[in-house]
Amino acid sequence: MELFPYRRGTTEVDAIIRAAAPMGDKEILALEVQEFLKSPERKEAIDGENYYLNHTVIRSKKRTLANGEELKNRANHRLEHAFYPKMVDELVGYLCSKLPSITSNADSAARRKAHEEAIGKIIDESFWRVFSRWCKNAVNHGCSWLFPYIDKDGSLRFSNIAGYEVRALWRDGDHQECDGVIRVYDVIEYVKKTKMLVTHVDYVTTNGIAEFVYENGALTPIRSERGNGHFYLPQEDGTAQARVWDRLPAIPLRFNDVEQPLISRVRANIDAYNLCASNFADMLADLPLAIVKVVGYQDDPDTTLRNLKQLSVVYLQEGGDAGYITPDLATDSVETQLTRIRRDIFSFGAGVDGQDDGQQNRSGVALAEKRSDLDIIANIFENQIQAAFREVIWFVSRYLLLIGGENYTDCEITLTLNRDIMTNESAVITACKESVGILPDVQIRANHPWSNDNTEALWQEQENGSAEDEEPFAVKAATDETDNE
C-alpha cells in the first residue's frame, strides 16, 4: 500500500482534458455544461434553495380577467408561509445542532488519544459549521459537495459547494464511482469597465482541475493562479509545487439514495396553501368593494371605484343609487382546506407542527410518537452522512502523512451525531426523582434536563472520594436501623 498517495499535477489544460476518460474534448464538455444548465435536477435543487429562503411562486401571483388583463383597484396578497425552512432547520438541527463526537479505534489507549487529538486539530469547530451547511445543502439540493483543499498556510480546509453548481460524471448507476465533476458557477467581473456576471466552469478529475469560461455554448480555457493541480505544496527553496490527490477531491453527501431533495415532496402543497391563504386574504380585503351596485353614475367604472376606495364618495345623477351586494364567505370551508393542506405538508415533509393542539403537554412517549416520521428520515439521512464522513477522514489521514504526521490509515474514526432529542422536562424530572436509591446520584444528575455537569467529571469526582453522599432530589432513604426504631 502506498502511504504517500500524491503525484505531480498536470500542467496543461488540454492534457487534463485528453487524459479524462469520460470527455474527449472541450466541445463535449461544453455540451455537458449546456445540458446541466437546463436539467430538471438543477432546477429542483435551485427550487430547494429558493424555498428555504421562503422565495416561492406566490410572488408571481396576479389577479386577471379571463382575457389575461390584470385587475385594477383590487388587493393582490402574496402570503408566504415558511413551512419549508422550518422543516429543514428542524431536521438539520435535530442531527447537527450539538457538536458531534469522533472516536478512534486505534489498538491502544495512547494511540487512540493521539489519533483523536490529531483529527480534532483539523476537524474543529469551524469544520463543524461547514459540516452543518453541507447537511443543509444536501436536504435542499438532494446532493451537496465538499471539496478538500490546502490553503496558502498549508492547512487542510473544506469548501462547501451547492448541489445546483455540480454535475457529477458517474461511472455506475448507483452513483458510487465518479470519474469527475463539473462545477458551473457565476463570478462578478469587470469587462471593459462594465460589471457583469461571467460563467466559470471547473472540470475536476484525479488528474487535476481544468478551468474555463463558458459563453455562448463554448468553453475558453483559462489559466488560474494555482495552476491545474488540486493544491500547491510549499517547498524548502520557497517555491510551490502543484500536487494532486490520489482520489477525486469531491465528496458527495446525498439526502437519500435517489438524491431527491425534500422540497420535491412538499412544494405542491406549500404552493397550494400560499395560494389559498392569499386568495382568501384578497376576498377579505375586497369585501367592502365585493360587488358595487351603482345606478345613474356619471363616471367610468375605474373612476367610480377609485372614488369609493380612496375618497368614500361617489357622484350620482338625479335619482341615482349606490350600494354593496355582499357575498357570503365560506370561511369554514377555507379553514378546513388550509388545515388539511397544513397537515399534509408536515406529514410529507416529516416535520413536527408546533401549532398542533396539546403539543406542549405531551408526555415523553407521545412526543416520541409525534416525531417518529422525523426519526425515520433522520436515520436515512444519517446513513448518508456516515458514508460521506468516511471520505472526509480519508483526506484528513492523507494530509497528516503529507505534513509528516503519524500514519493512521489503518485506523477508523466513528462519528456520533448527538441528536437534539425533544423531551418533556416534567416527565424526565419525575423519572430522576423516582430513580433515587436505584441509580447512582452521578448518573441521575447527568441526565437531569437542567444539569450542565459533565458526566465524566462527575464519575471521576466520585471515584476520588471527594463527592459527598448527597441526594438533591429527595430525602435519603431510611436505613434498616431507622426502620427498627
Protein backbone atom coordinates (compact mmCIF):
# COMPACT_ATOMS: atom_id res chain seq x y z
CA MET A 1 0.00 0.00 0.00
CA GLU A 2 1.29 3.41 -0.95
CA LEU A 3 1.35 5.62 2.12
CA PHE A 4 2.07 8.85 0.25
CA PRO A 5 -0.69 8.96 -2.38
CA TYR A 6 0.26 12.12 -4.25
CA ARG A 7 1.51 12.77 -7.75
CA ARG A 8 2.74 15.84 -9.55
CA GLY A 9 -0.07 17.91 -11.04
CA THR A 10 -0.60 18.08 -14.79
CA THR A 11 0.38 21.49 -16.09
CA GLU A 12 -1.51 21.85 -19.37
CA VAL A 13 -5.29 22.26 -19.57
CA ASP A 14 -5.54 20.31 -22.84
CA ALA A 15 -3.55 17.46 -21.34
CA ILE A 16 -6.03 17.21 -18.46
CA ILE A 17 -8.97 17.10 -20.86
CA ARG A 18 -7.33 14.44 -23.04
CA ALA A 19 -6.44 12.32 -20.01
CA ALA A 20 -10.01 12.32 -18.63
CA ALA A 21 -11.85 9.16 -19.67
CA PRO A 22 -15.45 10.47 -19.96
CA MET A 23 -14.55 13.57 -22.04
CA GLY A 24 -12.98 13.53 -25.45
CA ASP A 25 -12.54 17.28 -25.85
CA LYS A 26 -13.80 20.59 -24.57
CA GLU A 27 -16.69 20.60 -27.05
CA ILE A 28 -18.16 17.54 -25.35
CA LEU A 29 -17.54 19.21 -22.00
CA ALA A 30 -19.39 22.30 -23.24
CA LEU A 31 -22.31 20.09 -24.26
CA GLU A 32 -22.41 18.60 -20.76
CA VAL A 33 -22.48 22.10 -19.27
CA GLN A 34 -25.29 23.15 -21.61
CA GLU A 35 -27.39 20.11 -20.69
CA PHE A 36 -26.72 20.59 -16.99
CA LEU A 37 -27.89 24.21 -17.01
CA LYS A 38 -31.25 23.07 -18.43
CA SER A 39 -31.58 19.87 -16.41
CA PRO A 40 -34.63 19.26 -14.16
CA GLU A 41 -32.29 18.11 -11.36
CA ARG A 42 -30.61 21.52 -11.28
CA LYS A 43 -33.96 23.31 -11.37
CA GLU A 44 -35.21 21.23 -8.46
CA ALA A 45 -32.06 21.99 -6.45
CA ILE A 46 -32.49 25.72 -7.14
CA ASP A 47 -36.13 25.46 -6.04
CA GLY A 48 -34.95 23.88 -2.79
CA GLU A 49 -32.62 26.81 -2.17
CA ASN A 50 -35.29 29.39 -3.05
CA TYR A 51 -37.97 27.79 -0.89
CA TYR A 52 -35.54 27.60 2.01
CA LEU A 53 -35.18 31.39 1.63
CA ASN A 54 -39.02 31.48 1.51
CA HIS A 55 -38.97 32.73 -2.09
CA THR A 56 -41.97 30.84 -3.50
CA VAL A 57 -44.01 31.02 -6.72
CA ILE A 58 -46.75 33.00 -4.96
CA ARG A 59 -44.58 36.08 -5.61
CA SER A 60 -45.68 35.99 -9.26
CA LYS A 61 -49.40 35.87 -8.40
CA LYS A 62 -51.61 38.25 -10.37
CA ARG A 63 -55.34 38.87 -10.45
CA THR A 64 -56.54 38.88 -14.02
CA LEU A 65 -59.70 38.76 -16.11
CA ALA A 66 -60.50 35.87 -18.43
CA ASN A 67 -58.64 37.63 -21.26
CA GLY A 68 -55.48 37.96 -19.16
CA GLU A 69 -55.94 41.63 -18.38
CA GLU A 70 -54.78 42.46 -14.85
CA LEU A 71 -57.44 43.67 -12.46
CA LYS A 72 -57.16 47.17 -11.10
CA ASN A 73 -58.21 48.53 -7.72
CA ARG A 74 -58.15 45.06 -6.21
CA ALA A 75 -56.00 43.60 -3.45
CA ASN A 76 -53.31 41.14 -4.52
CA HIS A 77 -51.87 39.46 -1.43
CA ARG A 78 -48.86 37.20 -1.83
CA LEU A 79 -48.66 35.41 1.51
CA GLU A 80 -45.63 33.19 2.01
CA HIS A 81 -45.62 30.68 4.85
CA ALA A 82 -42.20 29.45 5.96
CA PHE A 83 -43.12 25.78 6.38
CA TYR A 84 -40.18 24.52 4.36
CA PRO A 85 -37.30 26.35 6.10
CA LYS A 86 -38.85 25.32 9.43
CA MET A 87 -38.77 21.64 8.46
CA VAL A 88 -35.22 21.84 7.07
CA ASP A 89 -33.91 23.64 10.18
CA GLU A 90 -35.74 21.14 12.36
CA LEU A 91 -34.14 18.13 10.63
CA VAL A 92 -30.65 19.59 10.42
CA GLY A 93 -30.87 20.97 13.95
CA TYR A 94 -32.05 17.60 15.22
CA LEU A 95 -28.91 15.97 13.80
CA CYS A 96 -26.30 18.73 13.90
CA SER A 97 -27.19 21.38 16.49
CA LYS A 98 -24.91 19.71 19.04
CA LEU A 99 -21.24 19.11 18.27
CA PRO A 100 -20.73 15.52 17.07
CA SER A 101 -18.19 13.21 18.70
CA ILE A 102 -15.40 11.32 16.96
CA THR A 103 -13.78 8.18 18.32
CA SER A 104 -10.74 6.29 17.04
CA ASN A 105 -10.45 2.51 17.03
CA ALA A 106 -6.63 2.51 17.32
CA ASP A 107 -5.10 -0.52 19.03
CA SER A 108 -4.02 1.25 22.22
CA ALA A 109 -5.40 3.93 24.51
CA ALA A 110 -2.40 6.21 23.94
CA ARG A 111 -2.64 5.86 20.17
CA ARG A 112 -6.39 6.39 20.24
CA LYS A 113 -5.94 9.61 22.19
CA ALA A 114 -3.18 10.83 19.85
CA HIS A 115 -5.29 9.97 16.80
CA GLU A 116 -8.35 11.78 18.11
CA GLU A 117 -6.26 14.84 19.02
CA ALA A 118 -4.67 14.93 15.56
CA ILE A 119 -8.09 14.65 13.91
CA GLY A 120 -9.53 17.27 16.27
CA LYS A 121 -6.99 19.88 15.15
CA ILE A 122 -8.38 19.63 11.62
CA ILE A 123 -11.99 18.67 12.31
CA ASP A 124 -12.51 21.65 14.60
CA GLU A 125 -15.45 23.93 15.32
CA SER A 126 -15.01 25.79 12.03
CA PHE A 127 -15.29 22.48 10.19
CA TRP A 128 -18.49 21.59 12.04
CA ARG A 129 -20.03 24.85 10.84
CA VAL A 130 -19.15 23.87 7.29
CA PHE A 131 -20.46 20.39 8.06
CA SER A 132 -23.84 21.77 9.19
CA ARG A 133 -24.16 23.81 6.00
CA TRP A 134 -23.13 20.74 3.99
CA CYS A 135 -26.01 18.79 5.54
CA LYS A 136 -28.47 21.63 4.97
CA ASN A 137 -27.48 21.86 1.30
CA ALA A 138 -27.98 18.11 0.92
CA VAL A 139 -31.55 18.43 2.21
CA ASN A 140 -32.27 21.38 -0.08
CA HIS A 141 -30.45 20.17 -3.20
CA GLY A 142 -30.68 16.40 -2.97
CA CYS A 143 -26.89 16.14 -3.06
CA SER A 144 -24.26 18.63 -1.91
CA TRP A 145 -20.49 18.56 -2.23
CA LEU A 146 -17.43 19.14 -0.08
CA PHE A 147 -14.13 19.98 -1.80
CA PRO A 148 -10.95 19.45 0.28
CA TYR A 149 -8.06 21.80 -0.43
CA ILE A 150 -4.89 23.10 1.20
CA ASP A 151 -4.78 26.83 1.78
CA LYS A 152 -1.80 29.17 1.43
CA ASP A 153 -0.81 28.49 5.04
CA GLY A 154 -0.60 24.76 4.37
CA SER A 155 -3.76 23.89 6.35
CA LEU A 156 -6.38 21.43 5.15
CA ARG A 157 -9.71 23.10 4.53
CA PHE A 158 -13.05 22.06 3.09
CA SER A 159 -15.13 24.15 0.71
CA ASN A 160 -18.90 23.71 0.64
CA ILE A 161 -20.30 23.64 -2.92
CA ALA A 162 -24.03 23.83 -3.64
CA GLY A 163 -25.62 20.91 -5.45
CA TYR A 164 -27.05 23.12 -8.21
CA GLU A 165 -23.49 24.06 -9.24
CA VAL A 166 -22.17 20.50 -9.70
CA ARG A 167 -22.70 17.96 -12.46
CA ALA A 168 -21.20 14.60 -11.46
CA LEU A 169 -19.94 12.18 -14.10
CA TRP A 170 -20.94 8.91 -12.50
CA ARG A 171 -19.43 5.69 -13.76
CA ASP A 172 -22.20 3.48 -12.41
CA GLY A 173 -25.95 3.68 -11.98
CA ASP A 174 -25.74 3.54 -8.18
CA HIS A 175 -23.60 6.70 -8.14
CA GLN A 176 -20.79 5.10 -6.17
CA GLU A 177 -17.90 5.64 -8.60
CA CYS A 178 -17.26 9.07 -10.09
CA ASP A 179 -14.89 9.87 -12.95
CA GLY A 180 -15.07 13.62 -12.39
CA VAL A 181 -17.27 16.58 -11.60
CA ILE A 182 -18.12 19.73 -13.49
CA ARG A 183 -18.72 22.83 -11.41
CA VAL A 184 -20.62 25.69 -13.07
CA TYR A 185 -20.80 29.00 -11.21
CA ASP A 186 -21.07 32.73 -11.88
CA VAL A 187 -18.43 35.26 -10.91
CA ILE A 188 -18.83 39.04 -10.91
CA GLU A 189 -16.12 40.52 -13.08
CA TYR A 190 -15.36 43.85 -14.74
CA VAL A 191 -15.07 43.51 -18.50
CA LYS A 192 -14.02 46.72 -20.24
CA LYS A 193 -15.17 48.79 -17.25
CA THR A 194 -18.52 47.01 -17.24
CA LYS A 195 -19.67 44.96 -14.26
CA MET A 196 -21.11 41.65 -15.42
CA LEU A 197 -21.63 38.02 -14.48
CA VAL A 198 -19.18 35.62 -16.09
CA THR A 199 -19.90 31.88 -16.04
CA HIS A 200 -16.91 29.81 -14.97
CA VAL A 201 -16.52 26.06 -15.35
CA ASP A 202 -14.15 23.89 -13.28
CA TYR A 203 -13.57 20.37 -14.53
CA VAL A 204 -12.21 18.29 -11.66
CA THR A 205 -10.67 14.82 -12.14
CA THR A 206 -7.99 12.83 -10.37
CA ASN A 207 -5.53 14.41 -12.83
CA GLY A 208 -6.20 17.96 -11.65
CA ILE A 209 -8.50 20.90 -12.28
CA ALA A 210 -9.11 22.48 -15.68
CA GLU A 211 -10.74 25.92 -15.65
CA PHE A 212 -12.79 27.56 -18.39
CA VAL A 213 -15.05 30.50 -19.14
CA TYR A 214 -18.40 29.46 -20.62
CA GLU A 215 -20.00 31.82 -23.11
CA ASN A 216 -22.47 31.24 -25.96
CA GLY A 217 -22.24 27.48 -25.60
CA ALA A 218 -18.44 27.37 -25.90
CA LEU A 219 -15.59 26.97 -23.41
CA THR A 220 -12.45 29.08 -23.36
CA PRO A 221 -9.55 27.66 -21.27
CA ILE A 222 -8.09 29.97 -18.66
CA ARG A 223 -5.01 29.69 -16.51
CA SER A 224 -5.59 30.16 -12.80
CA GLU A 225 -3.04 31.36 -10.27
CA ARG A 226 -2.95 27.97 -8.59
CA GLY A 227 -2.16 26.13 -11.85
CA ASN A 228 -4.02 22.94 -12.65
CA GLY A 229 -3.20 20.83 -9.63
CA HIS A 230 -5.60 20.24 -6.76
CA PHE A 231 -3.35 22.25 -4.44
CA TYR A 232 0.15 23.76 -4.09
CA LEU A 233 2.71 22.23 -1.78
CA PRO A 234 5.34 24.69 -0.46
CA GLN A 235 8.96 23.60 -1.00
CA GLU A 236 12.08 24.24 1.09
CA ASP A 237 13.50 26.55 -1.58
CA GLY A 238 10.48 28.84 -1.28
CA THR A 239 8.74 27.62 -4.41
CA ALA A 240 5.40 25.81 -4.58
CA GLN A 241 4.74 22.57 -6.37
CA ALA A 242 1.39 21.67 -7.90
CA ARG A 243 0.16 18.36 -6.48
CA VAL A 244 -2.95 16.24 -6.84
CA TRP A 245 -4.77 13.86 -4.52
CA ASP A 246 -4.90 10.20 -5.39
CA ARG A 247 -8.67 10.35 -5.10
CA LEU A 248 -11.22 12.70 -6.64
CA PRO A 249 -11.34 15.72 -4.27
CA ALA A 250 -15.12 15.99 -4.33
CA ILE A 251 -17.16 14.37 -1.56
CA PRO A 252 -20.90 13.97 -2.22
CA LEU A 253 -23.46 13.99 0.58
CA ARG A 254 -26.81 12.63 -0.54
CA PHE A 255 -30.05 13.38 1.24
CA ASN A 256 -31.21 9.88 0.30
CA ASP A 257 -30.14 7.13 -2.06
CA VAL A 258 -32.04 8.67 -5.01
CA GLU A 259 -30.69 12.18 -4.32
CA GLN A 260 -34.18 13.65 -4.12
CA PRO A 261 -34.42 16.96 -2.22
CA LEU A 262 -37.02 17.46 0.47
CA ILE A 263 -38.71 20.26 -1.48
CA SER A 264 -39.96 17.81 -4.12
CA ARG A 265 -42.22 16.21 -1.50
CA VAL A 266 -43.92 19.35 -0.21
CA ARG A 267 -43.62 22.03 -2.91
CA ALA A 268 -47.09 21.50 -4.42
CA ASN A 269 -48.75 21.57 -1.00
CA ILE A 270 -46.88 24.71 0.07
CA ASP A 271 -47.87 26.45 -3.17
CA ALA A 272 -51.50 25.40 -2.67
CA TYR A 273 -51.50 26.68 0.93
CA ASN A 274 -49.96 30.02 -0.06
CA LEU A 275 -52.43 30.46 -2.93
CA CYS A 276 -55.49 29.51 -0.85
CA ALA A 277 -54.48 31.83 2.01
CA SER A 278 -53.64 34.68 -0.37
CA ASN A 279 -56.93 34.38 -2.28
CA PHE A 280 -58.86 34.37 0.97
CA ALA A 281 -56.97 37.47 2.13
CA ASP A 282 -57.88 39.13 -1.19
CA MET A 283 -61.54 38.35 -0.61
CA LEU A 284 -61.46 39.86 2.88
CA ALA A 285 -59.65 42.95 1.63
CA ASP A 286 -62.09 43.41 -1.23
CA LEU A 287 -65.16 42.79 0.91
CA PRO A 288 -66.22 46.48 1.05
CA LEU A 289 -65.99 46.55 -2.75
CA ALA A 290 -67.01 42.98 -3.45
CA ILE A 291 -69.91 43.88 -5.72
CA VAL A 292 -70.81 47.56 -6.15
CA LYS A 293 -74.32 48.50 -7.31
CA VAL A 294 -74.36 51.95 -8.89
CA VAL A 295 -77.44 53.42 -10.61
CA GLY A 296 -77.18 56.66 -12.54
CA TYR A 297 -73.40 57.13 -12.31
CA GLN A 298 -71.71 59.77 -14.39
CA ASP A 299 -68.12 58.48 -14.28
CA ASP A 300 -66.42 55.43 -15.81
CA PRO A 301 -66.19 52.31 -13.56
CA ASP A 302 -62.50 52.81 -12.70
CA THR A 303 -63.14 56.36 -11.52
CA THR A 304 -66.15 55.24 -9.51
CA LEU A 305 -64.14 52.51 -7.75
CA ARG A 306 -61.30 54.93 -7.07
CA ASN A 307 -63.68 57.46 -5.54
CA LEU A 308 -65.27 54.78 -3.38
CA LYS A 309 -61.97 53.33 -2.21
CA GLN A 310 -59.92 56.47 -1.74
CA LEU A 311 -62.49 59.21 -1.08
CA SER A 312 -65.50 57.19 0.12
CA VAL A 313 -67.54 59.34 -2.28
CA VAL A 314 -69.48 58.51 -5.45
CA TYR A 315 -71.08 61.11 -7.70
CA LEU A 316 -74.57 60.18 -8.90
CA GLN A 317 -77.11 61.67 -11.22
CA GLU A 318 -80.58 62.67 -10.07
CA GLY A 319 -82.47 59.57 -9.00
CA GLY A 320 -79.28 57.50 -8.82
CA ASP A 321 -78.42 54.99 -6.14
CA ALA A 322 -75.32 53.17 -4.87
CA GLY A 323 -74.72 50.27 -2.52
CA TYR A 324 -72.95 46.97 -1.89
CA ILE A 325 -74.02 43.44 -2.60
CA THR A 326 -72.02 41.46 -0.05
CA PRO A 327 -71.46 37.79 -0.83
CA ASP A 328 -71.36 35.08 1.82
CA LEU A 329 -67.82 34.00 2.62
CA ALA A 330 -67.25 30.27 3.07
CA THR A 331 -64.88 30.84 5.99
CA ASP A 332 -65.32 27.38 7.47
CA SER A 333 -64.56 25.70 4.15
CA VAL A 334 -61.41 27.75 3.68
CA GLU A 335 -60.18 26.99 7.20
CA THR A 336 -60.87 23.29 6.70
CA GLN A 337 -58.93 23.30 3.45
CA LEU A 338 -55.98 25.17 4.97
CA THR A 339 -55.90 22.79 7.94
CA ARG A 340 -55.88 19.78 5.63
CA ILE A 341 -53.06 21.15 3.48
CA ARG A 342 -51.03 22.15 6.52
CA ARG A 343 -51.35 18.64 7.94
CA ASP A 344 -50.20 17.15 4.62
CA ILE A 345 -47.19 19.47 4.48
CA PHE A 346 -45.87 18.34 7.85
CA SER A 347 -46.77 14.71 7.13
CA PHE A 348 -44.99 14.55 3.77
CA GLY A 349 -42.06 16.63 4.99
CA ALA A 350 -41.66 14.59 8.21
CA GLY A 351 -41.86 17.76 10.28
CA VAL A 352 -43.36 18.43 13.69
CA ASP A 353 -46.12 21.04 13.66
CA GLY A 354 -45.58 23.39 16.57
CA GLN A 355 -49.21 24.55 16.37
CA ASP A 356 -50.54 21.07 16.98
CA ASP A 357 -53.11 21.04 19.79
CA GLY A 358 -51.70 19.74 23.05
CA GLN A 359 -48.10 19.82 21.83
CA GLN A 360 -46.79 21.46 24.99
CA ASN A 361 -48.44 18.99 27.34
CA ARG A 362 -47.48 15.75 25.62
CA SER A 363 -45.71 13.05 27.57
CA GLY A 364 -42.28 11.80 26.56
CA VAL A 365 -43.82 8.77 24.84
CA ALA A 366 -46.31 10.94 22.96
CA LEU A 367 -43.54 13.30 21.84
CA ALA A 368 -41.52 10.33 20.59
CA GLU A 369 -44.52 9.11 18.60
CA LYS A 370 -45.09 12.60 17.21
CA ARG A 371 -41.55 12.81 15.89
CA SER A 372 -41.45 9.22 14.58
CA ASP A 373 -41.50 10.42 10.96
CA LEU A 374 -38.66 12.81 11.74
CA ASP A 375 -36.67 9.94 13.27
CA ILE A 376 -37.16 7.80 10.18
CA ILE A 377 -35.98 10.44 7.75
CA ALA A 378 -33.14 11.41 10.10
CA ASN A 379 -31.97 7.78 10.27
CA ILE A 380 -31.91 7.52 6.47
CA PHE A 381 -30.01 10.79 6.19
CA GLU A 382 -27.55 9.82 8.92
CA ASN A 383 -26.56 6.71 6.93
CA GLN A 384 -25.57 9.01 4.07
CA ILE A 385 -23.72 11.34 6.47
CA GLN A 386 -21.69 8.47 7.90
CA ALA A 387 -20.63 7.31 4.42
CA ALA A 388 -19.66 10.84 3.37
CA PHE A 389 -17.73 11.48 6.60
CA ARG A 390 -15.57 8.42 5.96
CA GLU A 391 -14.45 10.15 2.77
CA VAL A 392 -13.58 13.24 4.80
CA ILE A 393 -11.41 11.16 7.13
CA TRP A 394 -9.59 9.66 4.14
CA PHE A 395 -8.37 13.12 3.12
CA VAL A 396 -7.55 14.04 6.72
CA SER A 397 -5.41 10.89 7.15
CA ARG A 398 -3.53 11.53 3.92
CA TYR A 399 -2.98 15.16 4.86
CA LEU A 400 -1.42 14.07 8.16
CA LEU A 401 1.02 11.96 6.15
CA LEU A 402 1.68 14.88 3.84
CA ILE A 403 2.81 17.12 6.73
CA GLY A 404 4.93 14.36 8.27
CA GLY A 405 2.48 13.16 10.87
CA GLU A 406 1.93 9.64 12.10
CA ASN A 407 0.32 7.07 9.83
CA TYR A 408 -3.27 6.47 10.91
CA THR A 409 -4.50 4.95 7.66
CA ASP A 410 -5.07 1.63 9.43
CA CYS A 411 -7.44 3.26 11.94
CA GLU A 412 -11.11 4.10 11.59
CA ILE A 413 -12.97 7.04 13.05
CA THR A 414 -16.50 6.64 14.36
CA LEU A 415 -18.76 9.67 14.03
CA THR A 416 -21.50 10.03 16.64
CA LEU A 417 -24.21 12.60 15.97
CA ASN A 418 -25.52 13.85 19.30
CA ARG A 419 -29.15 14.36 18.39
CA ASP A 420 -31.11 17.17 19.97
CA ILE A 421 -33.86 14.95 21.39
CA MET A 422 -37.17 16.58 22.26
CA THR A 423 -38.30 15.66 25.76
CA ASN A 424 -40.96 16.50 28.27
CA GLU A 425 -38.91 18.05 31.09
CA SER A 426 -41.50 17.38 33.77
CA ALA A 427 -41.55 13.67 32.93
CA VAL A 428 -37.73 13.50 32.98
CA ILE A 429 -37.50 15.28 36.35
CA THR A 430 -40.10 12.91 37.78
CA ALA A 431 -38.10 9.95 36.50
CA CYS A 432 -34.97 11.37 38.13
CA LYS A 433 -36.75 11.61 41.47
CA GLU A 434 -38.03 8.06 41.20
CA SER A 435 -34.53 6.79 40.39
CA VAL A 436 -33.05 7.91 43.71
CA GLY A 437 -31.77 4.84 45.55
CA ILE A 438 -31.80 2.81 42.34
CA LEU A 439 -29.21 4.64 40.24
CA PRO A 440 -26.08 6.49 41.42
CA ASP A 441 -26.56 10.20 42.07
CA VAL A 442 -23.92 10.96 39.45
CA GLN A 443 -25.97 9.31 36.73
CA ILE A 444 -29.16 11.00 37.87
CA ARG A 445 -27.53 14.46 37.91
CA ALA A 446 -26.06 13.92 34.46
CA ASN A 447 -29.48 13.10 32.99
CA HIS A 448 -31.41 15.89 34.70
CA PRO A 449 -32.60 18.35 31.97
CA TRP A 450 -31.35 21.38 33.91
CA SER A 451 -27.91 19.96 34.74
CA ASN A 452 -24.81 21.24 32.97
CA ASP A 453 -22.47 18.87 34.81
CA ASN A 454 -20.02 16.84 32.77
CA THR A 455 -20.78 13.14 33.29
CA GLU A 456 -17.16 12.02 33.05
CA ALA A 457 -16.06 14.66 35.57
CA LEU A 458 -18.80 13.59 37.98
CA TRP A 459 -17.71 9.96 37.84
CA GLN A 460 -14.09 10.97 38.37
CA GLU A 461 -15.15 13.05 41.34
CA GLN A 462 -16.94 10.08 42.88
CA GLU A 463 -14.03 7.74 42.24
CA ASN A 464 -11.67 10.16 44.01
CA GLY A 465 -13.91 10.08 47.06
CA SER A 466 -14.46 13.84 47.10
CA ALA A 467 -18.16 13.69 46.40
CA GLU A 468 -20.35 13.82 49.45
CA ASP A 469 -23.26 11.45 49.92
CA GLU A 470 -25.88 13.90 48.80
CA GLU A 471 -29.24 13.21 47.27
CA PRO A 472 -30.53 16.51 45.88
CA PHE A 473 -33.80 15.16 44.57
CA ALA A 474 -35.27 13.51 47.66
CA VAL A 475 -34.72 12.81 51.33
CA LYS A 476 -32.30 9.93 51.84
CA ALA A 477 -33.88 6.52 52.07
CA ALA A 478 -34.29 5.33 55.66
CA THR A 479 -31.77 2.73 56.87
CA ASP A 480 -32.70 -0.56 58.42
CA GLU A 481 -31.71 0.77 61.85
CA THR A 482 -34.11 3.67 61.46
CA ASP A 483 -36.90 1.35 60.43
CA ASN A 484 -36.30 -0.78 63.54
CA GLU A 485 -36.51 2.23 65.80
